[in-house]
Amino acid sequence: MKIEISIPDEVLRNFFEQSEQRLLNKLVEIKENRKVPTDKTSYLTRKEASNKLKISLPTLHNWIKSGKLPISRVGRRVLIREIDL
């Protein structure tokens, strides 16, 4: 048994245009809601911070996990304010 569904070109075009617009709106919303440090403070990566403190990365990780060292996240990146060291 074969079932055929016929959808007019205009309906498909409208569907995809609306889907595209919703996707673009969502991307703009996500971009506007990103949390990016806005102050002029200098930030370091985990590796840079561990080098500056002369400690290993696992020790730095433990300090972050215990709350001893505050962090900022930008996407998946973990940044540490230099003044917090």
PDB file of N, CA and C in Angstrom:
ATOM      1  N   MET A   1       0.845  -1.174   0.000  1.00  0.00           N
ATOM      2  CA  MET A   1       0.000   0.000   0.000  1.00  0.00           C
ATOM      3  C   MET A   1       0.893   1.241   0.000  1.00  0.00           C
ATOM      4  N   LYS A   2       0.674   2.085  -0.952  1.00  0.00           N
ATOM      5  CA  LYS A   2       1.484   3.283  -1.112  1.00  0.00           C
ATOM      6  C   LYS A   2       0.588   4.500  -0.905  1.00  0.00           C
ATOM      7  N   ILE A   3       1.039   5.403  -0.028  1.00  0.00           N
ATOM      8  CA  ILE A   3       0.279   6.621   0.247  1.00  0.00           C
ATOM      9  C   ILE A   3       1.080   7.798  -0.282  1.00  0.00           C
ATOM     10  N   GLU A   4       0.434   8.638  -1.034  1.00  0.00           N
ATOM     11  CA  GLU A   4       1.081   9.833  -1.557  1.00  0.00           C
ATOM     12  C   GLU A   4       0.432  11.064  -0.946  1.00  0.00           C
ATOM     13  N   ILE A   5       1.283  11.983  -0.553  1.00  0.00           N
ATOM     14  CA  ILE A   5       0.800  13.241   0.007  1.00  0.00           C
ATOM     15  C   ILE A   5       1.321  14.350  -0.888  1.00  0.00           C
ATOM     16  N   SER A   6       0.421  15.196  -1.289  1.00  0.00           N
ATOM     17  CA  SER A   6       0.792  16.297  -2.165  1.00  0.00           C
ATOM     18  C   SER A   6       0.701  17.608  -1.386  1.00  0.00           C
ATOM     19  N   ILE A   7       1.810  18.331  -1.365  1.00  0.00           N
ATOM     20  CA  ILE A   7       1.846  19.624  -0.673  1.00  0.00           C
ATOM     21  C   ILE A   7       2.259  20.666  -1.700  1.00  0.00           C
ATOM     22  N   PRO A   8       1.455  21.700  -1.838  1.00  0.00           N
ATOM     23  CA  PRO A   8       1.786  22.739  -2.819  1.00  0.00           C
ATOM     24  C   PRO A   8       3.136  23.402  -2.494  1.00  0.00           C
ATOM     25  N   ASP A   9       3.829  23.803  -3.543  1.00  0.00           N
ATOM     26  CA  ASP A   9       5.141  24.438  -3.384  1.00  0.00           C
ATOM     27  C   ASP A   9       5.085  25.657  -2.476  1.00  0.00           C
ATOM     28  N   GLU A  10       4.060  26.450  -2.611  1.00  0.00           N
ATOM     29  CA  GLU A  10       3.940  27.677  -1.816  1.00  0.00           C
ATOM     30  C   GLU A  10       3.832  27.357  -0.325  1.00  0.00           C
ATOM     31  N   VAL A  11       3.108  26.306   0.017  1.00  0.00           N
ATOM     32  CA  VAL A  11       2.967  25.908   1.421  1.00  0.00           C
ATOM     33  C   VAL A  11       4.326  25.469   1.973  1.00  0.00           C
ATOM     34  N   LEU A  12       5.057  24.673   1.216  1.00  0.00           N
ATOM     35  CA  LEU A  12       6.391  24.246   1.649  1.00  0.00           C
ATOM     36  C   LEU A  12       7.340  25.427   1.792  1.00  0.00           C
ATOM     37  N   ARG A  13       7.306  26.324   0.836  1.00  0.00           N
ATOM     38  CA  ARG A  13       8.166  27.508   0.879  1.00  0.00           C
ATOM     39  C   ARG A  13       7.866  28.330   2.134  1.00  0.00           C
ATOM     40  N   ASN A  14       6.585  28.563   2.412  1.00  0.00           N
ATOM     41  CA  ASN A  14       6.203  29.324   3.606  1.00  0.00           C
ATOM     42  C   ASN A  14       6.658  28.619   4.881  1.00  0.00           C
ATOM     43  N   PHE A  15       6.488  27.305   4.912  1.00  0.00           N
ATOM     44  CA  PHE A  15       6.897  26.538   6.088  1.00  0.00           C
ATOM     45  C   PHE A  15       8.391  26.719   6.356  1.00  0.00           C
ATOM     46  N   PHE A  16       9.205  26.567   5.325  1.00  0.00           N
ATOM     47  CA  PHE A  16      10.651  26.682   5.511  1.00  0.00           C
ATOM     48  C   PHE A  16      11.083  28.117   5.808  1.00  0.00           C
ATOM     49  N   GLU A  17      10.430  29.093   5.230  1.00  0.00           N
ATOM     50  CA  GLU A  17      10.755  30.490   5.536  1.00  0.00           C
ATOM     51  C   GLU A  17      10.431  30.808   6.987  1.00  0.00           C
ATOM     52  N   GLN A  18       9.288  30.325   7.471  1.00  0.00           N
ATOM     53  CA  GLN A  18       8.913  30.562   8.867  1.00  0.00           C
ATOM     54  C   GLN A  18       9.870  29.834   9.810  1.00  0.00           C
ATOM     55  N   SER A  19      10.239  28.612   9.455  1.00  0.00           N
ATOM     56  CA  SER A  19      11.183  27.851  10.286  1.00  0.00           C
ATOM     57  C   SER A  19      12.535  28.555  10.340  1.00  0.00           C
ATOM     58  N   GLU A  20      12.978  29.050   9.207  1.00  0.00           N
ATOM     59  CA  GLU A  20      14.247  29.768   9.147  1.00  0.00           C
ATOM     60  C   GLU A  20      14.195  31.026  10.013  1.00  0.00           C
ATOM     61  N   GLN A  21      13.098  31.752   9.950  1.00  0.00           N
ATOM     62  CA  GLN A  21      12.967  32.977  10.735  1.00  0.00           C
ATOM     63  C   GLN A  21      12.958  32.669  12.232  1.00  0.00           C
ATOM     64  N   ARG A  22      12.252  31.605  12.631  1.00  0.00           N
ATOM     65  CA  ARG A  22      12.230  31.219  14.051  1.00  0.00           C
ATOM     66  C   ARG A  22      13.634  30.838  14.518  1.00  0.00           C
ATOM     67  N   LEU A  23      14.357  30.116  13.686  1.00  0.00           N
ATOM     68  CA  LEU A  23      15.721  29.721  14.030  1.00  0.00           C
ATOM     69  C   LEU A  23      16.628  30.945  14.166  1.00  0.00           C
ATOM     70  N   LEU A  24      16.529  31.875  13.240  1.00  0.00           N
ATOM     71  CA  LEU A  24      17.341  33.097  13.317  1.00  0.00           C
ATOM     72  C   LEU A  24      17.006  33.904  14.565  1.00  0.00           C
ATOM     73  N   ASN A  25      15.718  34.015  14.890  1.00  0.00           N
ATOM     74  CA  ASN A  25      15.307  34.739  16.095  1.00  0.00           C
ATOM     75  C   ASN A  25      15.879  34.082  17.347  1.00  0.00           C
ATOM     76  N   LYS A  26      15.859  32.751  17.385  1.00  0.00           N
ATOM     77  CA  LYS A  26      16.385  32.029  18.541  1.00  0.00           C
ATOM     78  C   LYS A  26      17.895  32.238  18.659  1.00  0.00           C
ATOM     79  N   LEU A  27      18.604  32.214  17.535  1.00  0.00           N
ATOM     80  CA  LEU A  27      20.048  32.446  17.561  1.00  0.00           C
ATOM     81  C   LEU A  27      20.385  33.852  18.049  1.00  0.00           C
ATOM     82  N   VAL A  28      19.617  34.836  17.618  1.00  0.00           N
ATOM     83  CA  VAL A  28      19.829  36.211  18.080  1.00  0.00           C
ATOM     84  C   VAL A  28      19.584  36.292  19.581  1.00  0.00           C
ATOM     85  N   GLU A  29      18.529  35.633  20.060  1.00  0.00           N
ATOM     86  CA  GLU A  29      18.213  35.631  21.490  1.00  0.00           C
ATOM     87  C   GLU A  29      19.344  34.993  22.294  1.00  0.00           C
ATOM     88  N   ILE A  30      19.868  33.875  21.814  1.00  0.00           N
ATOM     89  CA  ILE A  30      20.969  33.202  22.505  1.00  0.00           C
ATOM     90  C   ILE A  30      22.203  34.097  22.535  1.00  0.00           C
ATOM     91  N   LYS A  31      22.502  34.736  21.414  1.00  0.00           N
ATOM     92  CA  LYS A  31      23.675  35.608  21.342  1.00  0.00           C
ATOM     93  C   LYS A  31      23.547  36.783  22.304  1.00  0.00           C
ATOM     94  N   GLU A  32      22.348  37.360  22.404  1.00  0.00           N
ATOM     95  CA  GLU A  32      22.150  38.512  23.285  1.00  0.00           C
ATOM     96  C   GLU A  32      22.216  38.125  24.754  1.00  0.00           C
ATOM     97  N   ASN A  33      21.902  36.880  25.083  1.00  0.00           N
ATOM     98  CA  ASN A  33      21.873  36.442  26.476  1.00  0.00           C
ATOM     99  C   ASN A  33      23.186  35.829  26.950  1.00  0.00           C
ATOM    100  N   ARG A  34      24.204  35.785  26.070  1.00  0.00           N
ATOM    101  CA  ARG A  34      25.496  35.236  26.483  1.00  0.00           C
ATOM    102  C   ARG A  34      26.098  36.097  27.576  1.00  0.00           C
ATOM    103  N   LYS A  35      26.648  35.435  28.560  1.00  0.00           N
ATOM    104  CA  LYS A  35      27.286  36.161  29.651  1.00  0.00           C
ATOM    105  C   LYS A  35      28.771  36.293  29.342  1.00  0.00           C
ATOM    106  N   VAL A  36      29.173  37.498  29.084  1.00  0.00           N
ATOM    107  CA  VAL A  36      30.573  37.795  28.781  1.00  0.00           C
ATOM    108  C   VAL A  36      31.053  38.813  29.802  1.00  0.00           C
ATOM    109  N   PRO A  37      32.198  38.584  30.403  1.00  0.00           N
ATOM    110  CA  PRO A  37      32.701  39.573  31.355  1.00  0.00           C
ATOM    111  C   PRO A  37      32.810  40.947  30.692  1.00  0.00           C
ATOM    112  N   THR A  38      32.219  41.952  31.347  1.00  0.00           N
ATOM    113  CA  THR A  38      32.198  43.285  30.757  1.00  0.00           C
ATOM    114  C   THR A  38      33.179  44.244  31.425  1.00  0.00           C
ATOM    115  N   ASP A  39      33.703  43.860  32.583  1.00  0.00           N
ATOM    116  CA  ASP A  39      34.646  44.770  33.226  1.00  0.00           C
ATOM    117  C   ASP A  39      36.015  44.654  32.560  1.00  0.00           C
ATOM    118  N   LYS A  40      36.903  45.536  32.925  1.00  0.00           N
ATOM    119  CA  LYS A  40      38.224  45.587  32.298  1.00  0.00           C
ATOM    120  C   LYS A  40      39.245  44.719  33.040  1.00  0.00           C
ATOM    121  N   THR A  41      38.764  43.831  33.888  1.00  0.00           N
ATOM    122  CA  THR A  41      39.639  42.949  34.639  1.00  0.00           C
ATOM    123  C   THR A  41      40.330  41.968  33.703  1.00  0.00           C
ATOM    124  N   SER A  42      41.542  41.636  34.023  1.00  0.00           N
ATOM    125  CA  SER A  42      42.292  40.672  33.233  1.00  0.00           C
ATOM    126  C   SER A  42      41.915  39.255  33.672  1.00  0.00           C
ATOM    127  N   TYR A  43      41.633  38.394  32.697  1.00  0.00           N
ATOM    128  CA  TYR A  43      41.251  37.012  32.966  1.00  0.00           C
ATOM    129  C   TYR A  43      42.337  36.067  32.478  1.00  0.00           C
ATOM    130  N   LEU A  44      42.478  34.959  33.184  1.00  0.00           N
ATOM    131  CA  LEU A  44      43.461  33.943  32.830  1.00  0.00           C
ATOM    132  C   LEU A  44      42.764  32.613  32.596  1.00  0.00           C
ATOM    133  N   THR A  45      43.351  31.788  31.739  1.00  0.00           N
ATOM    134  CA  THR A  45      42.863  30.422  31.575  1.00  0.00           C
ATOM    135  C   THR A  45      43.330  29.606  32.780  1.00  0.00           C
ATOM    136  N   ARG A  46      42.821  28.390  32.896  1.00  0.00           N
ATOM    137  CA  ARG A  46      43.247  27.529  34.004  1.00  0.00           C
ATOM    138  C   ARG A  46      44.755  27.264  33.940  1.00  0.00           C
ATOM    139  N   LYS A  47      45.251  27.030  32.747  1.00  0.00           N
ATOM    140  CA  LYS A  47      46.685  26.750  32.604  1.00  0.00           C
ATOM    141  C   LYS A  47      47.521  27.965  33.007  1.00  0.00           C
ATOM    142  N   GLU A  48      47.110  29.150  32.557  1.00  0.00           N
ATOM    143  CA  GLU A  48      47.842  30.374  32.908  1.00  0.00           C
ATOM    144  C   GLU A  48      47.804  30.612  34.415  1.00  0.00           C
ATOM    145  N   ALA A  49      46.635  30.379  35.025  1.00  0.00           N
ATOM    146  CA  ALA A  49      46.503  30.586  36.469  1.00  0.00           C
ATOM    147  C   ALA A  49      47.375  29.603  37.243  1.00  0.00           C
ATOM    148  N   SER A  50      47.381  28.337  36.821  1.00  0.00           N
ATOM    149  CA  SER A  50      48.206  27.351  37.536  1.00  0.00           C
ATOM    150  C   SER A  50      49.694  27.683  37.395  1.00  0.00           C
ATOM    151  N   ASN A  51      50.098  28.160  36.233  1.00  0.00           N
ATOM    152  CA  ASN A  51      51.501  28.567  36.053  1.00  0.00           C
ATOM    153  C   ASN A  51      51.846  29.759  36.933  1.00  0.00           C
ATOM    154  N   LYS A  52      50.953  30.729  36.998  1.00  0.00           N
ATOM    155  CA  LYS A  52      51.215  31.925  37.805  1.00  0.00           C
ATOM    156  C   LYS A  52      51.286  31.585  39.297  1.00  0.00           C
ATOM    157  N   LEU A  53      50.420  30.665  39.736  1.00  0.00           N
ATOM    158  CA  LEU A  53      50.406  30.261  41.145  1.00  0.00           C
ATOM    159  C   LEU A  53      51.463  29.197  41.457  1.00  0.00           C
ATOM    160  N   LYS A  54      52.072  28.649  40.394  1.00  0.00           N
ATOM    161  CA  LYS A  54      53.061  27.573  40.546  1.00  0.00           C
ATOM    162  C   LYS A  54      52.459  26.357  41.245  1.00  0.00           C
ATOM    163  N   ILE A  55      51.262  25.973  40.773  1.00  0.00           N
ATOM    164  CA  ILE A  55      50.591  24.774  41.270  1.00  0.00           C
ATOM    165  C   ILE A  55      50.186  23.928  40.061  1.00  0.00           C
ATOM    166  N   SER A  56      49.835  22.684  40.317  1.00  0.00           N
ATOM    167  CA  SER A  56      49.424  21.797  39.225  1.00  0.00           C
ATOM    168  C   SER A  56      47.967  22.073  38.842  1.00  0.00           C
ATOM    169  N   LEU A  57      47.593  21.631  37.651  1.00  0.00           N
ATOM    170  CA  LEU A  57      46.201  21.782  37.213  1.00  0.00           C
ATOM    171  C   LEU A  57      45.230  21.032  38.124  1.00  0.00           C
ATOM    172  N   PRO A  58      45.563  19.803  38.599  1.00  0.00           N
ATOM    173  CA  PRO A  58      44.642  19.137  39.531  1.00  0.00           C
ATOM    174  C   PRO A  58      44.442  19.924  40.831  1.00  0.00           C
ATOM    175  N   THR A  59      45.498  20.544  41.335  1.00  0.00           N
ATOM    176  CA  THR A  59      45.361  21.369  42.539  1.00  0.00           C
ATOM    177  C   THR A  59      44.459  22.564  42.254  1.00  0.00           C
ATOM    178  N   LEU A  60      44.655  23.201  41.118  1.00  0.00           N
ATOM    179  CA  LEU A  60      43.802  24.325  40.734  1.00  0.00           C
ATOM    180  C   LEU A  60      42.350  23.867  40.632  1.00  0.00           C
ATOM    181  N   HIS A  61      42.135  22.706  40.020  1.00  0.00           N
ATOM    182  CA  HIS A  61      40.783  22.153  39.902  1.00  0.00           C
ATOM    183  C   HIS A  61      40.161  21.957  41.288  1.00  0.00           C
ATOM    184  N   ASN A  62      40.935  21.426  42.226  1.00  0.00           N
ATOM    185  CA  ASN A  62      40.428  21.220  43.591  1.00  0.00           C
ATOM    186  C   ASN A  62      40.073  22.547  44.255  1.00  0.00           C
ATOM    187  N   TRP A  63      40.882  23.564  44.043  1.00  0.00           N
ATOM    188  CA  TRP A  63      40.597  24.879  44.612  1.00  0.00           C
ATOM    189  C   TRP A  63      39.298  25.448  44.046  1.00  0.00           C
ATOM    190  N   ILE A  64      39.105  25.271  42.737  1.00  0.00           N
ATOM    191  CA  ILE A  64      37.883  25.763  42.098  1.00  0.00           C
ATOM    192  C   ILE A  64      36.681  24.992  42.628  1.00  0.00           C
ATOM    193  N   LYS A  65      36.812  23.671  42.698  1.00  0.00           N
ATOM    194  CA  LYS A  65      35.716  22.809  43.147  1.00  0.00           C
ATOM    195  C   LYS A  65      35.323  23.108  44.592  1.00  0.00           C
ATOM    196  N   SER A  66      36.299  23.425  45.440  1.00  0.00           N
ATOM    197  CA  SER A  66      36.018  23.702  46.850  1.00  0.00           C
ATOM    198  C   SER A  66      35.517  25.126  47.075  1.00  0.00           C
ATOM    199  N   GLY A  67      35.576  25.966  46.040  1.00  0.00           N
ATOM    200  CA  GLY A  67      35.119  27.345  46.180  1.00  0.00           C
ATOM    201  C   GLY A  67      36.209  28.299  46.637  1.00  0.00           C
ATOM    202  N   LYS A  68      37.399  27.787  46.806  1.00  0.00           N
ATOM    203  CA  LYS A  68      38.519  28.626  47.240  1.00  0.00           C
ATOM    204  C   LYS A  68      38.907  29.644  46.174  1.00  0.00           C
ATOM    205  N   LEU A  69      38.657  29.292  44.918  1.00  0.00           N
ATOM    206  CA  LEU A  69      39.016  30.160  43.802  1.00  0.00           C
ATOM    207  C   LEU A  69      37.791  30.357  42.907  1.00  0.00           C
ATOM    208  N   PRO A  70      37.237  31.578  42.857  1.00  0.00           N
ATOM    209  CA  PRO A  70      36.053  31.817  42.009  1.00  0.00           C
ATOM    210  C   PRO A  70      36.422  31.827  40.527  1.00  0.00           C
ATOM    211  N   ILE A  71      35.460  31.439  39.706  1.00  0.00           N
ATOM    212  CA  ILE A  71      35.679  31.387  38.258  1.00  0.00           C
ATOM    213  C   ILE A  71      34.561  32.125  37.537  1.00  0.00           C
ATOM    214  N   SER A  72      34.817  32.431  36.291  1.00  0.00           N
ATOM    215  CA  SER A  72      33.806  32.959  35.374  1.00  0.00           C
ATOM    216  C   SER A  72      33.773  32.020  34.186  1.00  0.00           C
ATOM    217  N   ARG A  73      32.589  31.788  33.660  1.00  0.00           N
ATOM    218  CA  ARG A  73      32.454  30.924  32.488  1.00  0.00           C
ATOM    219  C   ARG A  73      32.013  31.756  31.297  1.00  0.00           C
ATOM    220  N   VAL A  74      32.646  31.514  30.168  1.00  0.00           N
ATOM    221  CA  VAL A  74      32.247  32.103  28.896  1.00  0.00           C
ATOM    222  C   VAL A  74      32.059  30.917  27.962  1.00  0.00           C
ATOM    223  N   GLY A  75      30.807  30.546  27.762  1.00  0.00           N
ATOM    224  CA  GLY A  75      30.543  29.323  27.018  1.00  0.00           C
ATOM    225  C   GLY A  75      31.065  28.157  27.832  1.00  0.00           C
ATOM    226  N   ARG A  76      31.943  27.373  27.253  1.00  0.00           N
ATOM    227  CA  ARG A  76      32.541  26.245  27.965  1.00  0.00           C
ATOM    228  C   ARG A  76      33.878  26.609  28.600  1.00  0.00           C
ATOM    229  N   ARG A  77      34.372  27.802  28.316  1.00  0.00           N
ATOM    230  CA  ARG A  77      35.676  28.216  28.846  1.00  0.00           C
ATOM    231  C   ARG A  77      35.566  28.620  30.303  1.00  0.00           C
ATOM    232  N   VAL A  78      36.542  28.226  31.066  1.00  0.00           N
ATOM    233  CA  VAL A  78      36.636  28.616  32.472  1.00  0.00           C
ATOM    234  C   VAL A  78      37.737  29.657  32.570  1.00  0.00           C
ATOM    235  N   LEU A  79      37.371  30.834  33.073  1.00  0.00           N
ATOM    236  CA  LEU A  79      38.345  31.918  33.220  1.00  0.00           C
ATOM    237  C   LEU A  79      38.429  32.329  34.681  1.00  0.00           C
ATOM    238  N   ILE A  80      39.601  32.763  35.076  1.00  0.00           N
ATOM    239  CA  ILE A  80      39.853  33.161  36.454  1.00  0.00           C
ATOM    240  C   ILE A  80      40.370  34.589  36.439  1.00  0.00           C
ATOM    241  N   ARG A  81      39.726  35.441  37.258  1.00  0.00           N
ATOM    242  CA  ARG A  81      40.182  36.829  37.319  1.00  0.00           C
ATOM    243  C   ARG A  81      41.561  36.868  37.963  1.00  0.00           C
ATOM    244  N   GLU A  82      42.427  37.638  37.368  1.00  0.00           N
ATOM    245  CA  GLU A  82      43.799  37.720  37.868  1.00  0.00           C
ATOM    246  C   GLU A  82      43.833  38.282  39.288  1.00  0.00           C
ATOM    247  N   ILE A  83      42.921  39.185  39.616  1.00  0.00           N
ATOM    248  CA  ILE A  83      42.917  39.773  40.965  1.00  0.00           C
ATOM    249  C   ILE A  83      42.469  38.770  42.027  1.00  0.00           C
ATOM    250  N   ASP A  84      41.847  37.640  41.609  1.00  0.00           N
ATOM    251  CA  ASP A  84      41.425  36.616  42.567  1.00  0.00           C
ATOM    252  C   ASP A  84      42.559  35.663  42.944  1.00  0.00           C
ATOM    253  N   LEU A  85      43.690  35.772  42.271  1.00  0.00           N
ATOM    254  CA  LEU A  85      44.795  34.844  42.563  1.00  0.00           C
ATOM    255  C   LEU A  85      45.539  35.246  43.813  1.00  0.00           C
TER     256      LEU A  85
END
